[in-house]
Amino acid sequence: MELHIPTQLAIFSISIILLTRSSSSSSSSSSSSSSSSSSWSSLSNLQPLVVDSALEHLNYTAISEFRLVNRRRIIQCCDTNPYLQINVSGDTALGDEEYLTVNVTGVLVPADSDWVAMISPSNADVSDCPLNKALYVETGDFSDLPLLCHYPVKAQYLSKDPDYLSCKKKECKEYKDGQCVVTTCGGTLTFHVVNVRTDIEFVLFAGGFATPCVLKKSNSLTFANPNQPLYGHLSSIDSTGTSMRITWVSGDKEPQEVQFGDGKSQTSEVSTFSQDDMCSNVLPSPAKDFGWHDPGYIHSAVMTGLQPSTSYPYKYGSDSAGWSQQVQFRTPPAGGSNELKFLAFGDMGKAPLDDSVEHYIQPGSISVAKAVLDYVDSGNVDAIFHIGDISYATGFLVEWDFFLNLISPFASRVSYMTAIGNHERDYGGSGSVYLTPDSGGECGIAYETYFPMPTPAKDKPWYSIEQASVHFTVISTEHDWSENSEQYQWMKGDMASVDRSKTPWLVFTGHRPMYTSGSGGGADHRFLGAVEPLLLDNKVDLVLFGHVHNYERTCSVYQNECKAMPKKDQSGVDTYDHSNYSAPVQVVIGMAGFSLDNFLDEPSDWSLIRISKFGYFRGHATPEELQLEYVNAGTRKVEDIFRITR
């Protein structure tokens, strides 16, 4: 069942809570998110004040007290404490990535509800919201004004400092007759900060996330160079391996350039997007409203005249804005050549590198990113494919900067190809197949700006690319894939045109799966019915999907039946013989960051391997064989290996 976000304001029955459980998950019930059960269980942990909001979960794709801190009722702090201070260590001119120490002193009575938030921009009004509260029904808040106007980037309870509640950091503030008569307490927190271009400040709140009130604000902190070119990431523009696109972010709107190889350079094209570009319904979406953060300017330039499978140095920027560090990158092999080594995963997102809470945390993202970086360091990676649910910013735009900071160490060195997912595109009334509000109002605009792929046009995020012996067909499961759709006709034509003498392997990939044994579901039978026959007709070898947050491998499956089973080779490795083709092998690889999903107690016969651990997928292709592996990010051990031969 597809859910459309209602615009009526007077819906107060408990049924709305049941409905919006689906609407705030990663997909509709026909393709329901396997994370919805965990989101639903977290509902019981919310404060009654939060739960009682009648339209609580409309437009939310995660449920937590912190995500709902915006628009919460602000109780006026009655604290007249003259000693209270909040200070940030170091210079006010911030570097591009820092760990800042925030010191709170002068606290008379420490409470476990005291917390500190990082606010950007620093001039955001965190104490009053004078606009009409009817605009904010979509956030689930019917409380009295004033409301918290701006969404904090991240926050920590002061109790994260183990010495805070016990008042081990005592200071005497007043003496009388040589005796201390006023003693105060303090706490210290550490915040990881990246260059988001706008000023930031830290705000001390009382009352927890449910009933916040402002106690004290720090001084404003400015980044030393808000125009600094940052977060470079590469992508292929075609199948030749002779050109590579580099995309980066800067606060400077003037064209910059990439300098590469032996004295070559290319001027950047500059783009951005505005708050007006974000999607919304009658009620504002997070991206349109409190989740908005200026993205700066996205620069993109194509390096040409390269050789396939070759390393080159490059840097990007300008004399006026600054330059990136010099980076060494490697071009992918040309289509039709012999050997490709690639990594693939879905649903990575990001997590804080400090003790903060954020609105949407993907706990496995850091370990997987570290594992991917280590493997890229080994020199054994030609390309990476990230197949949907990229950053999970979902309308809280500043989180794209934190995600880009996470992946840039490896995405700046090899081709980083992406597919769009529900958390990039979906929003009711925007033209997406599924009407859930999972993009938070971004509607693919932020994604397509940050990750320009070789697609036919804007909001047509499907493409194909060939690397060595593999033809990759990359689709959007969020756009119309029905038989009469433009995308369906493109899929049909693209796969039919593959020259199997040049690229003998055909890999089909997108975000939502056709098959899953995940306990929360996630597959859409309509998608299976419409598109699966194309896979069989074109003898697709391997199908890769994400969306469900685990790893699962099938037999050679078609219409829910095993058409062939793999056989063990001399080393005991499952081997699918496609010289006698029967059906594709399908693999779910959505285990790169989002909280993991469990499996059904009694999975279908087509399900052969099921692993619920964080990791990535690794492929090694030659004209004769695909060797494919699941790698555990924590142990770096291969926990599933299989081969496809011709």
Foldseek 3Di string as FASTA:
>chain_A
DFDFQDPDLPDADCVLVVVLLQLLAQFHLLFGFLCSVVQVVCLVVDDPLQNNLRNARQQHNHDDLQLLLFQFAADADPDPQPQWDKEKDDDLAAEQKDKIKIKIKRAQADDQQKKKFKDPQAPQDQAFDPDDCSLVVSNSHPDDDDTGFARTQWMDGQVVFVCANVQPAKDQDDDDPNHRDGIMGMGMFIAIDGQQLHKMKMWMWGDHSNHTYTDDIYDIGGHNFQFAWDLWFKADQAQALFKIKIKTFGLDQDWKWKAKAPGDIWIWDKDFDDLVPFAQDSHGFLLNGNLPDGRHIMTMTMDGRHHAQDKMWMWIDHPVRDIDDIDIAHGFAGFLAFKAKEWEFEQQAAAGPTPIDGSAFFAQNQLALVLVLVVVVVVRHAEYEYFENQHQSLNNPSSVVVSSVSNSSRSVHHHYHYAYGSLQAEDAPLQWPHHRSNVSRNRNVVVCRRHPYNAPDPPQRWDWHGGHQEIETEHEPGHDCACPDPRVVVLLVVLVPDDCSRRVAYEYEHAFDCDDQFPRGRHRPRCLVGCQVSCVVSVHAEYEYESAAWKWKFAQDHPLDHQDGFDQDPVGAGEAECVVGDHYIYMYRHNATHQHTDGDPDDGPGIDDIGGAHFIKIWMGGSFKIWIFTAHSVVRDTPHIHMYGD
